[in-house]
Amino acid sequence: MEPLRNILAVMTLLLLAATPAAAAEGFPTKPVHIIVSYGAGGAIDVATRIIAEPMAAALGQPVVVENKPGAGSTIAAEAVARAPADGYTLLVTGTAHAVMPELYPQAAVDPIRDFAPISHLGNMPFVLAVHPSLPVTDFASFVAYLRANPGKVDVGSAGPGSSSDLADLLLAQMTGLVFTRVPYRSTPAAMNDLVAGQIGFMLDSQNVLAPQVRSGALRALAVSSRERSRQLPELPTLDELGLTGFEASSWQVMLAPARTPAPVIDRLSQAVAAALADPAVHRRYDALGYQIPPRVGPAALADFLARETAKWAPLAKASGAGG
C-alpha cells in the first residue's frame, strides 16, 4: 500500500508542476478581462480601450475592459492580485500603483510582489488649465495670484496618488505655491467641476482638457511635457517657463497577477506590442496626444516602474496623504 501512496504522491507533484505549462499552452482559450483602476473617460481608461481591439485580434479572443475606480487604484489592484494567475484577468493602472506603499500602507496588496509586468502602454502629458473666472492670463499671473491667495484656490485631480495629484504636489514643491487639493473618482469628473467653476484649476490629461480649451470653456497656461504638445503647440512647457526639469504625465501600464506563467506573459506582451505597432493605434494616439512608449515588454516595464517609483515615492511620502 505504501509504494502505491508514494507513486500517487509523485504523480500529483508532477501534475502540479506541469499545470502552469499546461495552462499556458494554447492561451488564450476564452475572453481576457482587463480591470482599469480609474473611471471611464480618463487617460488610463482611454488608452486601454484603444489597444483592446487590436489586442483581441492578436490573441484571437475578446478583450473585455472593466472599470474599478476608487481608493487610489487599490480596489482594482486588490481585485487583480486575488484573481487566478492564468492571464485572463489583468490590471491597467498608472502612477498611483508606484506609490501605493506611501499613500495606502494599509492596502492588502504589494505593488511589486503581487504583480508580474506585461508592458508599458503609453504616456499622456498634462495641460495646466484654469477656469476663465480665475483672473490670470498666463503662468506668471497664475503664480502671482496663488501667492496672493494661499490655500484659497482649489485644484482637482483623480484622487490621492493619481498622476495628476502627484503633478500638483510637484508643482507646489517647485513653486512654493499653496492650494487646496480636491480628490475626484476620475479626471472627467474633476473636469466637469472645473468647467462649472467649482474648482479653480487642473494639471491633468490633454485628452480630457484640450477639447475644453479649444471650445473656450477653459483657459490653458502651459503643458507638463519637456517638449511642446502637438495638440496645443502654442502653449509653453513649464520647463520653458522656469520650472527646470518639470515633467509629469499620466502613464498607463499593464500587469498580471504574480506567478502568471512566463509563456502567458510573453503571449500577452506580444499582443500589446502588436497593438502598439498598429498604424490605426498610432493615429488614435496622435489625435489624442498619447505618446507611444520607446520600449515595451516585461523587462522594459520593470525598469520603467523602478525609475518612476524612485521619482514619485519620496514626494508622495512627504505629502502625508497616507496618514
C-alpha atoms as a PDB file:
ATOM      1  CA  MET A   1       0.000   0.000   0.000  1.00  0.00           C
ATOM      2  CA  GLU A   2       2.878   2.350   0.890  1.00  0.00           C
ATOM      3  CA  PRO A   3       4.513   2.089  -2.589  1.00  0.00           C
ATOM      4  CA  LEU A   4       1.150   2.943  -4.178  1.00  0.00           C
ATOM      5  CA  ARG A   5       0.830   6.016  -1.956  1.00  0.00           C
ATOM      6  CA  ASN A   6       4.330   7.093  -2.951  1.00  0.00           C
ATOM      7  CA  ILE A   7       3.551   6.664  -6.639  1.00  0.00           C
ATOM      8  CA  LEU A   8       0.339   8.671  -6.300  1.00  0.00           C
ATOM      9  CA  ALA A   9       2.185  11.423  -4.405  1.00  0.00           C
ATOM     10  CA  VAL A  10       4.853  11.660  -7.100  1.00  0.00           C
ATOM     11  CA  MET A  11       2.206  11.731  -9.850  1.00  0.00           C
ATOM     12  CA  THR A  12       0.368  14.521  -8.007  1.00  0.00           C
ATOM     13  CA  LEU A  13       3.531  16.581  -7.702  1.00  0.00           C
ATOM     14  CA  LEU A  14       4.320  16.095 -11.383  1.00  0.00           C
ATOM     15  CA  LEU A  15       0.792  17.113 -12.302  1.00  0.00           C
ATOM     16  CA  LEU A  16       1.004  20.272 -10.193  1.00  0.00           C
ATOM     17  CA  ALA A  17       4.392  21.145 -11.644  1.00  0.00           C
ATOM     18  CA  ALA A  18       3.033  20.750 -15.150  1.00  0.00           C
ATOM     19  CA  THR A  19      -0.069  22.843 -14.509  1.00  0.00           C
ATOM     20  CA  PRO A  20       1.427  26.277 -15.379  1.00  0.00           C
ATOM     21  CA  ALA A  21       2.835  24.987 -18.653  1.00  0.00           C
ATOM     22  CA  ALA A  22      -0.403  23.214 -19.434  1.00  0.00           C
ATOM     23  CA  ALA A  23      -2.397  26.347 -18.635  1.00  0.00           C
ATOM     24  CA  ALA A  24      -0.160  28.419 -20.922  1.00  0.00           C
ATOM     25  CA  GLU A  25      -0.447  26.031 -23.849  1.00  0.00           C
ATOM     26  CA  GLY A  26      -2.873  27.392 -26.385  1.00  0.00           C
ATOM     27  CA  PHE A  27      -3.512  30.546 -24.324  1.00  0.00           C
ATOM     28  CA  PRO A  28      -5.972  32.175 -24.574  1.00  0.00           C
ATOM     29  CA  THR A  29      -8.987  29.937 -24.988  1.00  0.00           C
ATOM     30  CA  LYS A  30     -11.563  32.382 -23.603  1.00  0.00           C
ATOM     31  CA  PRO A  31     -12.036  36.167 -23.207  1.00  0.00           C
ATOM     32  CA  VAL A  32      -9.356  38.177 -21.421  1.00  0.00           C
ATOM     33  CA  HIS A  33     -10.605  40.725 -18.872  1.00  0.00           C
ATOM     34  CA  ILE A  34      -8.738  43.974 -18.233  1.00  0.00           C
ATOM     35  CA  ILE A  35      -9.527  45.809 -14.998  1.00  0.00           C
ATOM     36  CA  VAL A  36      -8.854  49.563 -15.230  1.00  0.00           C
ATOM     37  CA  SER A  37      -8.013  51.254 -11.935  1.00  0.00           C
ATOM     38  CA  TYR A  38      -9.781  54.545 -12.784  1.00  0.00           C
ATOM     39  CA  GLY A  39     -13.146  55.646 -14.137  1.00  0.00           C
ATOM     40  CA  ALA A  40     -14.286  55.785 -17.738  1.00  0.00           C
ATOM     41  CA  GLY A  41     -13.020  58.619 -19.932  1.00  0.00           C
ATOM     42  CA  GLY A  42      -9.677  59.296 -18.235  1.00  0.00           C
ATOM     43  CA  ALA A  43      -6.317  58.771 -19.924  1.00  0.00           C
ATOM     44  CA  ILE A  44      -5.766  55.299 -18.425  1.00  0.00           C
ATOM     45  CA  ASP A  45      -9.199  54.092 -19.487  1.00  0.00           C
ATOM     46  CA  VAL A  46      -8.990  55.567 -22.992  1.00  0.00           C
ATOM     47  CA  ALA A  47      -5.551  54.070 -23.697  1.00  0.00           C
ATOM     48  CA  THR A  48      -6.817  50.668 -22.565  1.00  0.00           C
ATOM     49  CA  ARG A  49      -9.815  50.815 -24.879  1.00  0.00           C
ATOM     50  CA  ILE A  50      -7.684  51.922 -27.823  1.00  0.00           C
ATOM     51  CA  ILE A  51      -5.462  48.845 -27.588  1.00  0.00           C
ATOM     52  CA  ALA A  52      -8.172  46.362 -26.533  1.00  0.00           C
ATOM     53  CA  GLU A  53      -9.461  45.684 -30.055  1.00  0.00           C
ATOM     54  CA  PRO A  54      -6.070  45.121 -31.737  1.00  0.00           C
ATOM     55  CA  MET A  55      -5.008  43.046 -28.727  1.00  0.00           C
ATOM     56  CA  ALA A  56      -8.110  40.897 -29.216  1.00  0.00           C
ATOM     57  CA  ALA A  57      -7.182  40.444 -32.860  1.00  0.00           C
ATOM     58  CA  ALA A  58      -3.666  39.372 -31.906  1.00  0.00           C
ATOM     59  CA  LEU A  59      -4.897  36.977 -29.219  1.00  0.00           C
ATOM     60  CA  GLY A  60      -7.823  35.556 -31.156  1.00  0.00           C
ATOM     61  CA  GLN A  61     -10.172  36.103 -28.200  1.00  0.00           C
ATOM     62  CA  PRO A  62     -12.310  39.031 -26.991  1.00  0.00           C
ATOM     63  CA  VAL A  63     -10.685  41.542 -24.633  1.00  0.00           C
ATOM     64  CA  VAL A  64     -13.212  42.925 -22.150  1.00  0.00           C
ATOM     65  CA  VAL A  65     -12.483  46.218 -20.345  1.00  0.00           C
ATOM     66  CA  GLU A  66     -13.998  46.900 -16.914  1.00  0.00           C
ATOM     67  CA  ASN A  67     -13.531  49.944 -14.665  1.00  0.00           C
ATOM     68  CA  LYS A  68     -12.987  49.540 -10.904  1.00  0.00           C
ATOM     69  CA  PRO A  69     -12.108  53.045  -9.666  1.00  0.00           C
ATOM     70  CA  GLY A  70     -11.620  54.084  -6.070  1.00  0.00           C
ATOM     71  CA  ALA A  71      -9.203  54.202  -3.135  1.00  0.00           C
ATOM     72  CA  GLY A  72      -6.341  55.492  -5.235  1.00  0.00           C
ATOM     73  CA  SER A  73      -6.362  52.464  -7.580  1.00  0.00           C
ATOM     74  CA  THR A  74      -6.126  49.930  -4.726  1.00  0.00           C
ATOM     75  CA  ILE A  75      -9.603  48.473  -5.350  1.00  0.00           C
ATOM     76  CA  ALA A  76      -8.647  47.391  -8.857  1.00  0.00           C
ATOM     77  CA  ALA A  77      -5.182  46.286  -7.768  1.00  0.00           C
ATOM     78  CA  GLU A  78      -6.529  44.089  -4.987  1.00  0.00           C
ATOM     79  CA  ALA A  79      -9.117  42.530  -7.315  1.00  0.00           C
ATOM     80  CA  VAL A  80      -6.460  41.554  -9.848  1.00  0.00           C
ATOM     81  CA  ALA A  81      -3.942  40.392  -7.244  1.00  0.00           C
ATOM     82  CA  ARG A  82      -6.578  37.962  -5.899  1.00  0.00           C
ATOM     83  CA  ALA A  83      -7.515  36.687  -9.370  1.00  0.00           C
ATOM     84  CA  PRO A  84      -6.198  33.364 -10.694  1.00  0.00           C
ATOM     85  CA  ALA A  85      -2.691  33.724 -12.135  1.00  0.00           C
ATOM     86  CA  ASP A  86      -3.728  32.443 -15.541  1.00  0.00           C
ATOM     87  CA  GLY A  87      -3.573  35.557 -17.727  1.00  0.00           C
ATOM     88  CA  TYR A  88      -7.325  36.018 -18.017  1.00  0.00           C
ATOM     89  CA  THR A  89      -7.578  38.897 -15.511  1.00  0.00           C
ATOM     90  CA  LEU A  90      -5.194  41.817 -15.999  1.00  0.00           C
ATOM     91  CA  LEU A  91      -4.694  45.260 -14.496  1.00  0.00           C
ATOM     92  CA  VAL A  92      -4.136  48.539 -16.321  1.00  0.00           C
ATOM     93  CA  THR A  93      -3.114  51.265 -13.936  1.00  0.00           C
ATOM     94  CA  GLY A  94      -0.976  54.370 -13.558  1.00  0.00           C
ATOM     95  CA  THR A  95       1.321  56.323 -11.275  1.00  0.00           C
ATOM     96  CA  ALA A  96      -0.650  55.601  -8.099  1.00  0.00           C
ATOM     97  CA  HIS A  97       0.462  51.971  -8.360  1.00  0.00           C
ATOM     98  CA  ALA A  98       4.099  53.013  -7.957  1.00  0.00           C
ATOM     99  CA  VAL A  99       3.429  54.958  -4.754  1.00  0.00           C
ATOM    100  CA  MET A 100       0.878  52.652  -3.149  1.00  0.00           C
ATOM    101  CA  PRO A 101       3.025  51.827  -0.083  1.00  0.00           C
ATOM    102  CA  GLU A 102       3.478  55.535   0.671  1.00  0.00           C
ATOM    103  CA  LEU A 103      -0.158  56.552   0.231  1.00  0.00           C
ATOM    104  CA  TYR A 104      -2.000  53.373   1.204  1.00  0.00           C
ATOM    105  CA  PRO A 105       0.154  51.410   3.653  1.00  0.00           C
ATOM    106  CA  GLN A 106      -2.983  49.581   4.786  1.00  0.00           C
ATOM    107  CA  ALA A 107      -3.655  48.212   1.281  1.00  0.00           C
ATOM    108  CA  ALA A 108      -3.816  44.416   1.149  1.00  0.00           C
ATOM    109  CA  VAL A 109      -1.546  44.295  -1.881  1.00  0.00           C
ATOM    110  CA  ASP A 110       2.122  44.878  -2.689  1.00  0.00           C
ATOM    111  CA  PRO A 111       2.637  46.747  -5.997  1.00  0.00           C
ATOM    112  CA  ILE A 112       5.757  44.764  -6.866  1.00  0.00           C
ATOM    113  CA  ARG A 113       5.491  41.369  -5.172  1.00  0.00           C
ATOM    114  CA  ASP A 114       1.862  40.719  -6.148  1.00  0.00           C
ATOM    115  CA  PHE A 115       2.153  41.523  -9.866  1.00  0.00           C
ATOM    116  CA  ALA A 116       4.001  40.450 -12.979  1.00  0.00           C
ATOM    117  CA  PRO A 117       4.861  43.203 -15.517  1.00  0.00           C
ATOM    118  CA  ILE A 118       3.488  42.838 -19.031  1.00  0.00           C
ATOM    119  CA  SER A 119       4.107  46.132 -20.819  1.00  0.00           C
ATOM    120  CA  HIS A 120       4.140  49.900 -20.730  1.00  0.00           C
ATOM    121  CA  LEU A 121       1.205  51.132 -22.852  1.00  0.00           C
ATOM    122  CA  GLY A 122       1.821  54.867 -23.214  1.00  0.00           C
ATOM    123  CA  ASN A 123       2.104  58.324 -21.689  1.00  0.00           C
ATOM    124  CA  MET A 124      -0.314  61.264 -21.681  1.00  0.00           C
ATOM    125  CA  PRO A 125       1.263  64.677 -20.998  1.00  0.00           C
ATOM    126  CA  PHE A 126      -0.706  67.177 -18.936  1.00  0.00           C
ATOM    127  CA  VAL A 127      -2.021  70.656 -19.560  1.00  0.00           C
ATOM    128  CA  LEU A 128      -2.348  73.327 -16.863  1.00  0.00           C
ATOM    129  CA  ALA A 129      -5.833  74.783 -17.361  1.00  0.00           C
ATOM    130  CA  VAL A 130      -7.844  77.274 -15.307  1.00  0.00           C
ATOM    131  CA  HIS A 131     -11.468  78.316 -15.174  1.00  0.00           C
ATOM    132  CA  PRO A 132     -11.907  81.621 -17.061  1.00  0.00           C
ATOM    133  CA  SER A 133     -13.200  83.285 -13.888  1.00  0.00           C
ATOM    134  CA  LEU A 134      -9.729  82.994 -12.358  1.00  0.00           C
ATOM    135  CA  PRO A 135      -8.100  86.403 -13.027  1.00  0.00           C
ATOM    136  CA  VAL A 136      -4.971  85.038 -14.698  1.00  0.00           C
ATOM    137  CA  THR A 137      -3.861  85.072 -18.324  1.00  0.00           C
ATOM    138  CA  ASP A 138      -0.504  83.285 -18.212  1.00  0.00           C
ATOM    139  CA  PHE A 139       1.658  81.243 -15.877  1.00  0.00           C
ATOM    140  CA  ALA A 140       3.317  84.285 -14.314  1.00  0.00           C
ATOM    141  CA  SER A 141      -0.018  85.836 -13.361  1.00  0.00           C
ATOM    142  CA  PHE A 142      -1.241  82.413 -12.170  1.00  0.00           C
ATOM    143  CA  VAL A 143       1.727  82.147  -9.780  1.00  0.00           C
ATOM    144  CA  ALA A 144       1.243  85.731  -8.601  1.00  0.00           C
ATOM    145  CA  TYR A 145      -2.471  85.193  -7.939  1.00  0.00           C
ATOM    146  CA  LEU A 146      -1.986  81.973  -5.980  1.00  0.00           C
ATOM    147  CA  ARG A 147       0.795  83.535  -3.924  1.00  0.00           C
ATOM    148  CA  ALA A 148      -1.546  86.391  -3.051  1.00  0.00           C
ATOM    149  CA  ASN A 149      -4.310  83.900  -2.156  1.00  0.00           C
ATOM    150  CA  PRO A 150      -2.613  80.944  -0.431  1.00  0.00           C
ATOM    151  CA  GLY A 151      -4.898  77.982   0.083  1.00  0.00           C
ATOM    152  CA  LYS A 152      -7.902  79.744  -1.446  1.00  0.00           C
ATOM    153  CA  VAL A 153      -7.762  78.160  -4.908  1.00  0.00           C
ATOM    154  CA  ASP A 154      -8.825  74.514  -5.404  1.00  0.00           C
ATOM    155  CA  VAL A 155      -7.196  72.060  -7.789  1.00  0.00           C
ATOM    156  CA  GLY A 156      -8.982  68.886  -8.903  1.00  0.00           C
ATOM    157  CA  SER A 157      -7.379  65.526  -9.559  1.00  0.00           C
ATOM    158  CA  ALA A 158      -8.293  61.868  -9.932  1.00  0.00           C
ATOM    159  CA  GLY A 159      -7.527  61.323  -6.250  1.00  0.00           C
ATOM    160  CA  PRO A 160      -4.549  60.883  -3.910  1.00  0.00           C
ATOM    161  CA  GLY A 161      -1.616  59.210  -5.610  1.00  0.00           C
ATOM    162  CA  SER A 162      -3.014  59.657  -9.105  1.00  0.00           C
ATOM    163  CA  SER A 163      -0.587  61.045 -11.671  1.00  0.00           C
ATOM    164  CA  SER A 164      -2.436  64.367 -11.663  1.00  0.00           C
ATOM    165  CA  ASP A 165      -2.310  64.620  -7.867  1.00  0.00           C
ATOM    166  CA  LEU A 166       1.418  63.908  -7.849  1.00  0.00           C
ATOM    167  CA  ALA A 167       1.914  66.514 -10.590  1.00  0.00           C
ATOM    168  CA  ASP A 168       0.088  69.004  -8.353  1.00  0.00           C
ATOM    169  CA  LEU A 169       2.444  68.128  -5.493  1.00  0.00           C
ATOM    170  CA  LEU A 170       5.449  68.581  -7.772  1.00  0.00           C
ATOM    171  CA  LEU A 171       4.091  71.962  -8.881  1.00  0.00           C
ATOM    172  CA  ALA A 172       3.684  73.024  -5.241  1.00  0.00           C
ATOM    173  CA  GLN A 173       7.185  71.799  -4.377  1.00  0.00           C
ATOM    174  CA  MET A 174       8.869  73.609  -7.277  1.00  0.00           C
ATOM    175  CA  THR A 175       6.946  76.896  -6.938  1.00  0.00           C
ATOM    176  CA  GLY A 176       6.181  77.125  -3.223  1.00  0.00           C
ATOM    177  CA  LEU A 177       2.510  77.670  -4.072  1.00  0.00           C
ATOM    178  CA  VAL A 178      -0.190  76.690  -1.587  1.00  0.00           C
ATOM    179  CA  PHE A 179      -3.509  75.429  -2.960  1.00  0.00           C
ATOM    180  CA  THR A 180      -6.232  73.031  -1.849  1.00  0.00           C
ATOM    181  CA  ARG A 181      -6.207  69.567  -3.443  1.00  0.00           C
ATOM    182  CA  VAL A 182      -9.699  68.214  -4.137  1.00  0.00           C
ATOM    183  CA  PRO A 183      -9.917  64.472  -4.971  1.00  0.00           C
ATOM    184  CA  TYR A 184     -12.358  63.027  -7.524  1.00  0.00           C
ATOM    185  CA  ARG A 185     -13.003  59.485  -8.716  1.00  0.00           C
ATOM    186  CA  SER A 186     -11.818  60.312 -12.245  1.00  0.00           C
ATOM    187  CA  THR A 187     -10.309  63.076 -14.363  1.00  0.00           C
ATOM    188  CA  PRO A 188     -13.576  63.676 -16.297  1.00  0.00           C
ATOM    189  CA  ALA A 189     -15.454  64.148 -13.012  1.00  0.00           C
ATOM    190  CA  ALA A 190     -12.935  66.783 -11.912  1.00  0.00           C
ATOM    191  CA  MET A 191     -13.046  68.406 -15.337  1.00  0.00           C
ATOM    192  CA  ASN A 192     -16.833  68.782 -15.124  1.00  0.00           C
ATOM    193  CA  ASP A 193     -16.452  70.749 -11.890  1.00  0.00           C
ATOM    194  CA  LEU A 194     -13.668  72.840 -13.393  1.00  0.00           C
ATOM    195  CA  VAL A 195     -15.838  73.788 -16.368  1.00  0.00           C
ATOM    196  CA  ALA A 196     -18.645  74.629 -13.920  1.00  0.00           C
ATOM    197  CA  GLY A 197     -16.294  76.848 -11.900  1.00  0.00           C
ATOM    198  CA  GLN A 198     -16.471  74.716  -8.758  1.00  0.00           C
ATOM    199  CA  ILE A 199     -12.666  74.422  -8.692  1.00  0.00           C
ATOM    200  CA  GLY A 200     -10.018  76.818  -9.950  1.00  0.00           C
ATOM    201  CA  PHE A 201      -7.587  74.750 -12.000  1.00  0.00           C
ATOM    202  CA  MET A 202      -6.310  71.346 -13.034  1.00  0.00           C
ATOM    203  CA  LEU A 203      -2.984  69.948 -14.178  1.00  0.00           C
ATOM    204  CA  ASP A 204      -4.200  66.871 -15.963  1.00  0.00           C
ATOM    205  CA  SER A 205      -4.553  64.851 -19.157  1.00  0.00           C
ATOM    206  CA  GLN A 206      -4.600  66.596 -22.516  1.00  0.00           C
ATOM    207  CA  ASN A 207      -7.145  64.187 -23.960  1.00  0.00           C
ATOM    208  CA  VAL A 208      -9.706  65.413 -21.408  1.00  0.00           C
ATOM    209  CA  LEU A 209      -8.793  69.095 -21.061  1.00  0.00           C
ATOM    210  CA  ALA A 210      -7.652  70.085 -24.570  1.00  0.00           C
ATOM    211  CA  PRO A 211     -11.169  69.921 -26.114  1.00  0.00           C
ATOM    212  CA  GLN A 212     -12.456  72.204 -23.350  1.00  0.00           C
ATOM    213  CA  VAL A 213      -9.571  74.594 -24.009  1.00  0.00           C
ATOM    214  CA  ARG A 214     -10.328  74.679 -27.729  1.00  0.00           C
ATOM    215  CA  SER A 215     -14.009  75.359 -27.038  1.00  0.00           C
ATOM    216  CA  GLY A 216     -13.168  78.291 -24.766  1.00  0.00           C
ATOM    217  CA  ALA A 217     -14.635  76.664 -21.663  1.00  0.00           C
ATOM    218  CA  LEU A 218     -11.165  76.628 -20.055  1.00  0.00           C
ATOM    219  CA  ARG A 219      -8.001  78.708 -20.380  1.00  0.00           C
ATOM    220  CA  ALA A 220      -4.738  76.816 -20.851  1.00  0.00           C
ATOM    221  CA  LEU A 221      -1.473  78.220 -19.495  1.00  0.00           C
ATOM    222  CA  ALA A 222       1.200  75.559 -20.087  1.00  0.00           C
ATOM    223  CA  VAL A 223       1.932  71.883 -20.684  1.00  0.00           C
ATOM    224  CA  SER A 224       3.840  69.455 -18.471  1.00  0.00           C
ATOM    225  CA  SER A 225       5.944  67.651 -21.073  1.00  0.00           C
ATOM    226  CA  ARG A 226       9.545  68.561 -21.862  1.00  0.00           C
ATOM    227  CA  GLU A 227       8.546  69.269 -25.455  1.00  0.00           C
ATOM    228  CA  ARG A 228       5.589  71.303 -26.700  1.00  0.00           C
ATOM    229  CA  SER A 229       2.321  69.482 -27.327  1.00  0.00           C
ATOM    230  CA  ARG A 230       1.199  68.545 -30.820  1.00  0.00           C
ATOM    231  CA  GLN A 231      -2.387  69.266 -29.726  1.00  0.00           C
ATOM    232  CA  LEU A 232      -1.691  72.695 -28.176  1.00  0.00           C
ATOM    233  CA  PRO A 233       1.580  73.819 -29.817  1.00  0.00           C
ATOM    234  CA  GLU A 234       1.053  77.446 -28.840  1.00  0.00           C
ATOM    235  CA  LEU A 235       1.470  76.626 -25.152  1.00  0.00           C
ATOM    236  CA  PRO A 236       4.889  76.839 -23.484  1.00  0.00           C
ATOM    237  CA  THR A 237       6.152  73.995 -21.331  1.00  0.00           C
ATOM    238  CA  LEU A 238       6.552  74.511 -17.599  1.00  0.00           C
ATOM    239  CA  ASP A 239      10.220  73.755 -18.141  1.00  0.00           C
ATOM    240  CA  GLU A 240      10.415  76.710 -20.566  1.00  0.00           C
ATOM    241  CA  LEU A 241       8.696  78.920 -18.015  1.00  0.00           C
ATOM    242  CA  GLY A 242      11.387  78.400 -15.408  1.00  0.00           C
ATOM    243  CA  LEU A 243      10.439  75.151 -13.686  1.00  0.00           C
ATOM    244  CA  THR A 244      13.581  73.478 -14.982  1.00  0.00           C
ATOM    245  CA  GLY A 245      13.171  69.736 -15.308  1.00  0.00           C
ATOM    246  CA  PHE A 246       9.435  69.724 -14.630  1.00  0.00           C
ATOM    247  CA  GLU A 247       7.898  66.723 -16.338  1.00  0.00           C
ATOM    248  CA  ALA A 248       4.716  64.876 -15.416  1.00  0.00           C
ATOM    249  CA  SER A 249       2.262  62.706 -17.281  1.00  0.00           C
ATOM    250  CA  SER A 250      -0.339  60.035 -16.904  1.00  0.00           C
ATOM    251  CA  TRP A 251       1.256  56.752 -17.805  1.00  0.00           C
ATOM    252  CA  GLN A 252      -0.507  53.502 -18.467  1.00  0.00           C
ATOM    253  CA  VAL A 253       0.914  50.053 -17.729  1.00  0.00           C
ATOM    254  CA  MET A 254      -0.416  46.510 -17.890  1.00  0.00           C
ATOM    255  CA  LEU A 255       0.199  43.974 -15.125  1.00  0.00           C
ATOM    256  CA  ALA A 256      -0.863  40.395 -14.371  1.00  0.00           C
ATOM    257  CA  PRO A 257      -1.165  38.595 -11.046  1.00  0.00           C
ATOM    258  CA  ALA A 258       2.155  37.330  -9.717  1.00  0.00           C
ATOM    259  CA  ARG A 259       3.047  33.763 -10.667  1.00  0.00           C
ATOM    260  CA  THR A 260       1.319  34.040 -14.029  1.00  0.00           C
ATOM    261  CA  PRO A 261       3.239  31.577 -16.240  1.00  0.00           C
ATOM    262  CA  ALA A 262       6.031  33.158 -18.285  1.00  0.00           C
ATOM    263  CA  PRO A 263       4.649  31.821 -21.605  1.00  0.00           C
ATOM    264  CA  VAL A 264       1.337  33.581 -20.864  1.00  0.00           C
ATOM    265  CA  ILE A 265       3.127  36.841 -20.011  1.00  0.00           C
ATOM    266  CA  ASP A 266       5.088  36.548 -23.251  1.00  0.00           C
ATOM    267  CA  ARG A 267       1.914  35.963 -25.259  1.00  0.00           C
ATOM    268  CA  LEU A 268       0.234  39.000 -23.695  1.00  0.00           C
ATOM    269  CA  SER A 269       3.250  41.262 -24.150  1.00  0.00           C
ATOM    270  CA  GLN A 270       3.479  40.219 -27.800  1.00  0.00           C
ATOM    271  CA  ALA A 271      -0.190  41.139 -28.239  1.00  0.00           C
ATOM    272  CA  VAL A 272       0.447  44.572 -26.692  1.00  0.00           C
ATOM    273  CA  ALA A 273       3.473  45.106 -28.933  1.00  0.00           C
ATOM    274  CA  ALA A 274       1.386  44.181 -31.987  1.00  0.00           C
ATOM    275  CA  ALA A 275      -1.342  46.602 -30.910  1.00  0.00           C
ATOM    276  CA  LEU A 276       1.115  49.457 -30.382  1.00  0.00           C
ATOM    277  CA  ALA A 277       2.637  48.796 -33.804  1.00  0.00           C
ATOM    278  CA  ASP A 278      -0.779  49.047 -35.474  1.00  0.00           C
ATOM    279  CA  PRO A 279      -0.971  52.210 -37.660  1.00  0.00           C
ATOM    280  CA  ALA A 280      -4.594  52.726 -36.568  1.00  0.00           C
ATOM    281  CA  VAL A 281      -3.476  52.817 -32.927  1.00  0.00           C
ATOM    282  CA  HIS A 282      -0.738  55.305 -33.853  1.00  0.00           C
ATOM    283  CA  ARG A 283      -3.303  57.570 -35.474  1.00  0.00           C
ATOM    284  CA  ARG A 284      -5.608  57.433 -32.442  1.00  0.00           C
ATOM    285  CA  TYR A 285      -2.724  58.038 -30.034  1.00  0.00           C
ATOM    286  CA  ASP A 286      -1.571  61.020 -32.108  1.00  0.00           C
ATOM    287  CA  ALA A 287      -5.059  62.504 -32.302  1.00  0.00           C
ATOM    288  CA  LEU A 288      -5.427  62.414 -28.522  1.00  0.00           C
ATOM    289  CA  GLY A 289      -1.871  63.348 -27.582  1.00  0.00           C
ATOM    290  CA  TYR A 290      -0.678  59.983 -26.254  1.00  0.00           C
ATOM    291  CA  GLN A 291       2.977  59.084 -26.608  1.00  0.00           C
ATOM    292  CA  ILE A 292       3.956  55.559 -27.679  1.00  0.00           C
ATOM    293  CA  PRO A 293       6.468  54.201 -25.127  1.00  0.00           C
ATOM    294  CA  PRO A 294      10.007  53.883 -26.509  1.00  0.00           C
ATOM    295  CA  ARG A 295      10.332  50.351 -25.079  1.00  0.00           C
ATOM    296  CA  VAL A 296       7.683  47.698 -24.447  1.00  0.00           C
ATOM    297  CA  GLY A 297       7.658  44.290 -22.801  1.00  0.00           C
ATOM    298  CA  PRO A 298       8.103  42.959 -19.252  1.00  0.00           C
ATOM    299  CA  ALA A 299      11.782  43.887 -18.757  1.00  0.00           C
ATOM    300  CA  ALA A 300      11.307  47.412 -20.066  1.00  0.00           C
ATOM    301  CA  LEU A 301       8.271  47.886 -17.834  1.00  0.00           C
ATOM    302  CA  ALA A 302      10.126  46.656 -14.746  1.00  0.00           C
ATOM    303  CA  ASP A 303      12.864  49.230 -15.428  1.00  0.00           C
ATOM    304  CA  PHE A 304      10.306  51.987 -16.029  1.00  0.00           C
ATOM    305  CA  LEU A 305       8.418  51.271 -12.813  1.00  0.00           C
ATOM    306  CA  ALA A 306      11.656  51.305 -10.818  1.00  0.00           C
ATOM    307  CA  ARG A 307      12.534  54.765 -12.190  1.00  0.00           C
ATOM    308  CA  GLU A 308       9.050  56.179 -11.640  1.00  0.00           C
ATOM    309  CA  THR A 309       8.883  54.823  -8.100  1.00  0.00           C
ATOM    310  CA  ALA A 310      12.209  56.444  -7.289  1.00  0.00           C
ATOM    311  CA  LYS A 311      10.936  59.760  -8.703  1.00  0.00           C
ATOM    312  CA  TRP A 312       7.482  59.927  -7.129  1.00  0.00           C
ATOM    313  CA  ALA A 313       7.606  57.879  -3.913  1.00  0.00           C
ATOM    314  CA  PRO A 314       9.515  60.477  -1.858  1.00  0.00           C
ATOM    315  CA  LEU A 315       7.085  63.202  -2.947  1.00  0.00           C
ATOM    316  CA  ALA A 316       4.085  61.019  -2.111  1.00  0.00           C
ATOM    317  CA  LYS A 317       5.536  60.167   1.294  1.00  0.00           C
ATOM    318  CA  ALA A 318       6.289  63.814   2.058  1.00  0.00           C
ATOM    319  CA  SER A 319       2.715  64.763   1.191  1.00  0.00           C
ATOM    320  CA  GLY A 320       1.449  62.943   4.277  1.00  0.00           C
ATOM    321  CA  ALA A 321      -1.554  61.705   2.306  1.00  0.00           C
ATOM    322  CA  GLY A 322      -1.074  58.151   3.531  1.00  0.00           C
ATOM    323  CA  GLY A 323      -1.856  59.062   7.112  1.00  0.00           C
END
